[in-house]
Amino acid sequence: MERLLRPKEACQLLSISYSTLLRWIREGKIRVVTTEGGKYRIPYSEIKKYLEKRRRQGL
């Protein structure tokens, strides 16, 4: 089972604001899982994918 992160944790790892994370979710740039209560959870693989992309681009 893959580790799911809370939005706050994802923002910290990605060094982005919560509003940026929400925008990326709406734009489909980052995949999320929605809990039964309607809360977002971000798969750790999505974080790794973004960080790897940023590393390749030298950012």
PDB file of N, CA and C in Angstrom:
ATOM      1  N   MET A   1       0.846  -1.182   0.000  1.00  0.00           N
ATOM      2  CA  MET A   1       0.000   0.000   0.000  1.00  0.00           C
ATOM      3  C   MET A   1       0.889   1.243   0.000  1.00  0.00           C
ATOM      4  N   GLU A   2       0.573   2.150  -0.856  1.00  0.00           N
ATOM      5  CA  GLU A   2       1.365   3.363  -1.000  1.00  0.00           C
ATOM      6  C   GLU A   2       1.059   4.358   0.118  1.00  0.00           C
ATOM      7  N   ARG A   3       2.101   5.057   0.532  1.00  0.00           N
ATOM      8  CA  ARG A   3       1.943   6.089   1.561  1.00  0.00           C
ATOM      9  C   ARG A   3       1.180   7.277   0.972  1.00  0.00           C
ATOM     10  N   LEU A   4       0.168   7.730   1.710  1.00  0.00           N
ATOM     11  CA  LEU A   4      -0.609   8.899   1.307  1.00  0.00           C
ATOM     12  C   LEU A   4      -0.297  10.046   2.249  1.00  0.00           C
ATOM     13  N   LEU A   5      -0.015  11.208   1.678  1.00  0.00           N
ATOM     14  CA  LEU A   5       0.347  12.379   2.467  1.00  0.00           C
ATOM     15  C   LEU A   5      -0.807  13.350   2.594  1.00  0.00           C
ATOM     16  N   ARG A   6      -0.869  14.024   3.701  1.00  0.00           N
ATOM     17  CA  ARG A   6      -1.823  15.115   3.873  1.00  0.00           C
ATOM     18  C   ARG A   6      -1.313  16.296   3.049  1.00  0.00           C
ATOM     19  N   PRO A   7      -2.200  17.177   2.630  1.00  0.00           N
ATOM     20  CA  PRO A   7      -1.773  18.328   1.827  1.00  0.00           C
ATOM     21  C   PRO A   7      -0.652  19.139   2.466  1.00  0.00           C
ATOM     22  N   LYS A   8      -0.705  19.346   3.765  1.00  0.00           N
ATOM     23  CA  LYS A   8       0.334  20.126   4.444  1.00  0.00           C
ATOM     24  C   LYS A   8       1.703  19.463   4.292  1.00  0.00           C
ATOM     25  N   GLU A   9       1.736  18.146   4.430  1.00  0.00           N
ATOM     26  CA  GLU A   9       2.997  17.416   4.272  1.00  0.00           C
ATOM     27  C   GLU A   9       3.519  17.541   2.848  1.00  0.00           C
ATOM     28  N   ALA A  10       2.618  17.419   1.884  1.00  0.00           N
ATOM     29  CA  ALA A  10       3.010  17.521   0.477  1.00  0.00           C
ATOM     30  C   ALA A  10       3.560  18.912   0.175  1.00  0.00           C
ATOM     31  N   CYS A  11       2.919  19.930   0.699  1.00  0.00           N
ATOM     32  CA  CYS A  11       3.387  21.311   0.482  1.00  0.00           C
ATOM     33  C   CYS A  11       4.790  21.502   1.034  1.00  0.00           C
ATOM     34  N   GLN A  12       5.049  20.951   2.198  1.00  0.00           N
ATOM     35  CA  GLN A  12       6.369  21.080   2.802  1.00  0.00           C
ATOM     36  C   GLN A  12       7.427  20.385   1.953  1.00  0.00           C
ATOM     37  N   LEU A  13       7.145  19.182   1.491  1.00  0.00           N
ATOM     38  CA  LEU A  13       8.109  18.441   0.681  1.00  0.00           C
ATOM     39  C   LEU A  13       8.357  19.109  -0.667  1.00  0.00           C
ATOM     40  N   LEU A  14       7.321  19.713  -1.226  1.00  0.00           N
ATOM     41  CA  LEU A  14       7.437  20.343  -2.542  1.00  0.00           C
ATOM     42  C   LEU A  14       7.854  21.812  -2.461  1.00  0.00           C
ATOM     43  N   SER A  15       7.890  22.349  -1.259  1.00  0.00           N
ATOM     44  CA  SER A  15       8.214  23.771  -1.043  1.00  0.00           C
ATOM     45  C   SER A  15       7.274  24.683  -1.830  1.00  0.00           C
ATOM     46  N   ILE A  16       5.981  24.396  -1.682  1.00  0.00           N
ATOM     47  CA  ILE A  16       4.955  25.207  -2.342  1.00  0.00           C
ATOM     48  C   ILE A  16       3.889  25.571  -1.318  1.00  0.00           C
ATOM     49  N   SER A  17       3.056  26.534  -1.666  1.00  0.00           N
ATOM     50  CA  SER A  17       1.958  26.926  -0.781  1.00  0.00           C
ATOM     51  C   SER A  17       0.758  26.005  -0.992  1.00  0.00           C
ATOM     52  N   TYR A  18      -0.151  26.052  -0.041  1.00  0.00           N
ATOM     53  CA  TYR A  18      -1.372  25.251  -0.148  1.00  0.00           C
ATOM     54  C   TYR A  18      -2.203  25.679  -1.354  1.00  0.00           C
ATOM     55  N   SER A  19      -2.250  26.975  -1.619  1.00  0.00           N
ATOM     56  CA  SER A  19      -3.034  27.447  -2.773  1.00  0.00           C
ATOM     57  C   SER A  19      -2.428  26.939  -4.083  1.00  0.00           C
ATOM     58  N   THR A  20      -1.110  26.849  -4.151  1.00  0.00           N
ATOM     59  CA  THR A  20      -0.464  26.293  -5.349  1.00  0.00           C
ATOM     60  C   THR A  20      -0.814  24.823  -5.494  1.00  0.00           C
ATOM     61  N   LEU A  21      -0.788  24.087  -4.406  1.00  0.00           N
ATOM     62  CA  LEU A  21      -1.151  22.671  -4.445  1.00  0.00           C
ATOM     63  C   LEU A  21      -2.586  22.501  -4.953  1.00  0.00           C
ATOM     64  N   LEU A  22      -3.511  23.305  -4.442  1.00  0.00           N
ATOM     65  CA  LEU A  22      -4.902  23.212  -4.892  1.00  0.00           C
ATOM     66  C   LEU A  22      -5.029  23.520  -6.381  1.00  0.00           C
ATOM     67  N   ARG A  23      -4.273  24.502  -6.848  1.00  0.00           N
ATOM     68  CA  ARG A  23      -4.305  24.847  -8.270  1.00  0.00           C
ATOM     69  C   ARG A  23      -3.793  23.678  -9.105  1.00  0.00           C
ATOM     70  N   TRP A  24      -2.701  23.071  -8.679  1.00  0.00           N
ATOM     71  CA  TRP A  24      -2.141  21.930  -9.405  1.00  0.00           C
ATOM     72  C   TRP A  24      -3.132  20.766  -9.436  1.00  0.00           C
ATOM     73  N   ILE A  25      -3.848  20.569  -8.346  1.00  0.00           N
ATOM     74  CA  ILE A  25      -4.853  19.495  -8.304  1.00  0.00           C
ATOM     75  C   ILE A  25      -5.954  19.789  -9.320  1.00  0.00           C
ATOM     76  N   ARG A  26      -6.462  21.023  -9.330  1.00  0.00           N
ATOM     77  CA  ARG A  26      -7.518  21.402 -10.286  1.00  0.00           C
ATOM     78  C   ARG A  26      -7.045  21.282 -11.729  1.00  0.00           C
ATOM     79  N   GLU A  27      -5.784  21.631 -11.973  1.00  0.00           N
ATOM     80  CA  GLU A  27      -5.234  21.585 -13.330  1.00  0.00           C
ATOM     81  C   GLU A  27      -4.815  20.177 -13.747  1.00  0.00           C
ATOM     82  N   GLY A  28      -4.862  19.227 -12.826  1.00  0.00           N
ATOM     83  CA  GLY A  28      -4.492  17.853 -13.140  1.00  0.00           C
ATOM     84  C   GLY A  28      -2.988  17.621 -13.158  1.00  0.00           C
ATOM     85  N   LYS A  29      -2.210  18.532 -12.593  1.00  0.00           N
ATOM     86  CA  LYS A  29      -0.755  18.382 -12.567  1.00  0.00           C
ATOM     87  C   LYS A  29      -0.301  17.382 -11.515  1.00  0.00           C
ATOM     88  N   ILE A  30      -1.143  17.168 -10.529  1.00  0.00           N
ATOM     89  CA  ILE A  30      -0.817  16.226  -9.465  1.00  0.00           C
ATOM     90  C   ILE A  30      -2.066  15.409  -9.146  1.00  0.00           C
ATOM     91  N   ARG A  31      -1.879  14.105  -9.054  1.00  0.00           N
ATOM     92  CA  ARG A  31      -2.994  13.192  -8.811  1.00  0.00           C
ATOM     93  C   ARG A  31      -3.241  13.090  -7.311  1.00  0.00           C
ATOM     94  N   VAL A  32      -4.491  13.037  -6.923  1.00  0.00           N
ATOM     95  CA  VAL A  32      -4.844  12.908  -5.508  1.00  0.00           C
ATOM     96  C   VAL A  32      -5.830  11.765  -5.318  1.00  0.00           C
ATOM     97  N   VAL A  33      -5.927  11.344  -4.084  1.00  0.00           N
ATOM     98  CA  VAL A  33      -6.932  10.374  -3.661  1.00  0.00           C
ATOM     99  C   VAL A  33      -7.852  11.137  -2.722  1.00  0.00           C
ATOM    100  N   THR A  34      -9.138  10.941  -2.854  1.00  0.00           N
ATOM    101  CA  THR A  34     -10.099  11.603  -1.982  1.00  0.00           C
ATOM    102  C   THR A  34     -10.618  10.597  -0.961  1.00  0.00           C
ATOM    103  N   THR A  35     -10.582  10.973   0.306  1.00  0.00           N
ATOM    104  CA  THR A  35     -11.083  10.091   1.358  1.00  0.00           C
ATOM    105  C   THR A  35     -12.609  10.092   1.341  1.00  0.00           C
ATOM    106  N   GLU A  36     -13.184   9.205   2.129  1.00  0.00           N
ATOM    107  CA  GLU A  36     -14.650   9.160   2.229  1.00  0.00           C
ATOM    108  C   GLU A  36     -15.205  10.485   2.734  1.00  0.00           C
ATOM    109  N   GLY A  37     -14.431  11.180   3.536  1.00  0.00           N
ATOM    110  CA  GLY A  37     -14.864  12.461   4.087  1.00  0.00           C
ATOM    111  C   GLY A  37     -14.605  13.642   3.153  1.00  0.00           C
ATOM    112  N   GLY A  38     -14.068  13.355   1.961  1.00  0.00           N
ATOM    113  CA  GLY A  38     -13.830  14.404   0.980  1.00  0.00           C
ATOM    114  C   GLY A  38     -12.486  15.108   1.113  1.00  0.00           C
ATOM    115  N   LYS A  39     -11.600  14.569   1.943  1.00  0.00           N
ATOM    116  CA  LYS A  39     -10.275  15.169   2.128  1.00  0.00           C
ATOM    117  C   LYS A  39      -9.309  14.653   1.057  1.00  0.00           C
ATOM    118  N   TYR A  40      -8.379  15.526   0.662  1.00  0.00           N
ATOM    119  CA  TYR A  40      -7.359  15.133  -0.298  1.00  0.00           C
ATOM    120  C   TYR A  40      -6.203  14.426   0.395  1.00  0.00           C
ATOM    121  N   ARG A  41      -5.695  13.400  -0.270  1.00  0.00           N
ATOM    122  CA  ARG A  41      -4.466  12.740   0.138  1.00  0.00           C
ATOM    123  C   ARG A  41      -3.627  12.599  -1.132  1.00  0.00           C
ATOM    124  N   ILE A  42      -2.337  12.871  -1.004  1.00  0.00           N
ATOM    125  CA  ILE A  42      -1.448  12.866  -2.162  1.00  0.00           C
ATOM    126  C   ILE A  42      -0.540  11.643  -2.063  1.00  0.00           C
ATOM    127  N   PRO A  43      -0.573  10.781  -3.076  1.00  0.00           N
ATOM    128  CA  PRO A  43       0.320   9.615  -3.058  1.00  0.00           C
ATOM    129  C   PRO A  43       1.782  10.064  -3.085  1.00  0.00           C
ATOM    130  N   TYR A  44       2.612   9.398  -2.304  1.00  0.00           N
ATOM    131  CA  TYR A  44       4.022   9.752  -2.242  1.00  0.00           C
ATOM    132  C   TYR A  44       4.677   9.660  -3.617  1.00  0.00           C
ATOM    133  N   SER A  45       4.199   8.762  -4.459  1.00  0.00           N
ATOM    134  CA  SER A  45       4.764   8.625  -5.812  1.00  0.00           C
ATOM    135  C   SER A  45       4.592   9.905  -6.624  1.00  0.00           C
ATOM    136  N   GLU A  46       3.528  10.658  -6.367  1.00  0.00           N
ATOM    137  CA  GLU A  46       3.319  11.931  -7.060  1.00  0.00           C
ATOM    138  C   GLU A  46       4.358  12.962  -6.632  1.00  0.00           C
ATOM    139  N   ILE A  47       4.708  12.943  -5.356  1.00  0.00           N
ATOM    140  CA  ILE A  47       5.731  13.850  -4.840  1.00  0.00           C
ATOM    141  C   ILE A  47       7.072  13.506  -5.479  1.00  0.00           C
ATOM    142  N   LYS A  48       7.408  12.217  -5.477  1.00  0.00           N
ATOM    143  CA  LYS A  48       8.677  11.774  -6.066  1.00  0.00           C
ATOM    144  C   LYS A  48       8.754  12.143  -7.537  1.00  0.00           C
ATOM    145  N   LYS A  49       7.652  11.981  -8.256  1.00  0.00           N
ATOM    146  CA  LYS A  49       7.620  12.287  -9.684  1.00  0.00           C
ATOM    147  C   LYS A  49       7.918  13.764  -9.921  1.00  0.00           C
ATOM    148  N   TYR A  50       7.292  14.625  -9.150  1.00  0.00           N
ATOM    149  CA  TYR A  50       7.500  16.053  -9.322  1.00  0.00           C
ATOM    150  C   TYR A  50       8.923  16.451  -8.946  1.00  0.00           C
ATOM    151  N   LEU A  51       9.439  15.924  -7.831  1.00  0.00           N
ATOM    152  CA  LEU A  51      10.788  16.267  -7.398  1.00  0.00           C
ATOM    153  C   LEU A  51      11.829  15.800  -8.413  1.00  0.00           C
ATOM    154  N   GLU A  52      11.624  14.640  -8.986  1.00  0.00           N
ATOM    155  CA  GLU A  52      12.541  14.135 -10.017  1.00  0.00           C
ATOM    156  C   GLU A  52      12.502  15.036 -11.251  1.00  0.00           C
ATOM    157  N   LYS A  53      11.322  15.448 -11.646  1.00  0.00           N
ATOM    158  CA  LYS A  53      11.185  16.345 -12.801  1.00  0.00           C
ATOM    159  C   LYS A  53      11.902  17.662 -12.540  1.00  0.00           C
ATOM    160  N   ARG A  54      11.722  18.199 -11.345  1.00  0.00           N
ATOM    161  CA  ARG A  54      12.373  19.461 -10.983  1.00  0.00           C
ATOM    162  C   ARG A  54      13.891  19.303 -10.956  1.00  0.00           C
ATOM    163  N   ARG A  55      14.371  18.156 -10.475  1.00  0.00           N
ATOM    164  CA  ARG A  55      15.806  17.899 -10.428  1.00  0.00           C
ATOM    165  C   ARG A  55      16.391  17.820 -11.825  1.00  0.00           C
ATOM    166  N   ARG A  56      15.686  17.154 -12.737  1.00  0.00           N
ATOM    167  CA  ARG A  56      16.150  17.036 -14.132  1.00  0.00           C
ATOM    168  C   ARG A  56      16.225  18.379 -14.813  1.00  0.00           C
ATOM    169  N   GLN A  57      15.303  19.284 -14.450  1.00  0.00           N
ATOM    170  CA  GLN A  57      15.276  20.610 -15.046  1.00  0.00           C
ATOM    171  C   GLN A  57      16.274  21.555 -14.384  1.00  0.00           C
ATOM    172  N   GLY A  58      16.903  21.094 -13.304  1.00  0.00           N
ATOM    173  CA  GLY A  58      17.889  21.907 -12.625  1.00  0.00           C
ATOM    174  C   GLY A  58      17.316  23.032 -11.808  1.00  0.00           C
ATOM    175  N   LEU A  59      16.097  22.870 -11.332  1.00  0.00           N
ATOM    176  CA  LEU A  59      15.445  23.920 -10.527  1.00  0.00           C
ATOM    177  C   LEU A  59      15.694  23.726  -9.058  1.00  0.00           C
TER     178      LEU A  59
END
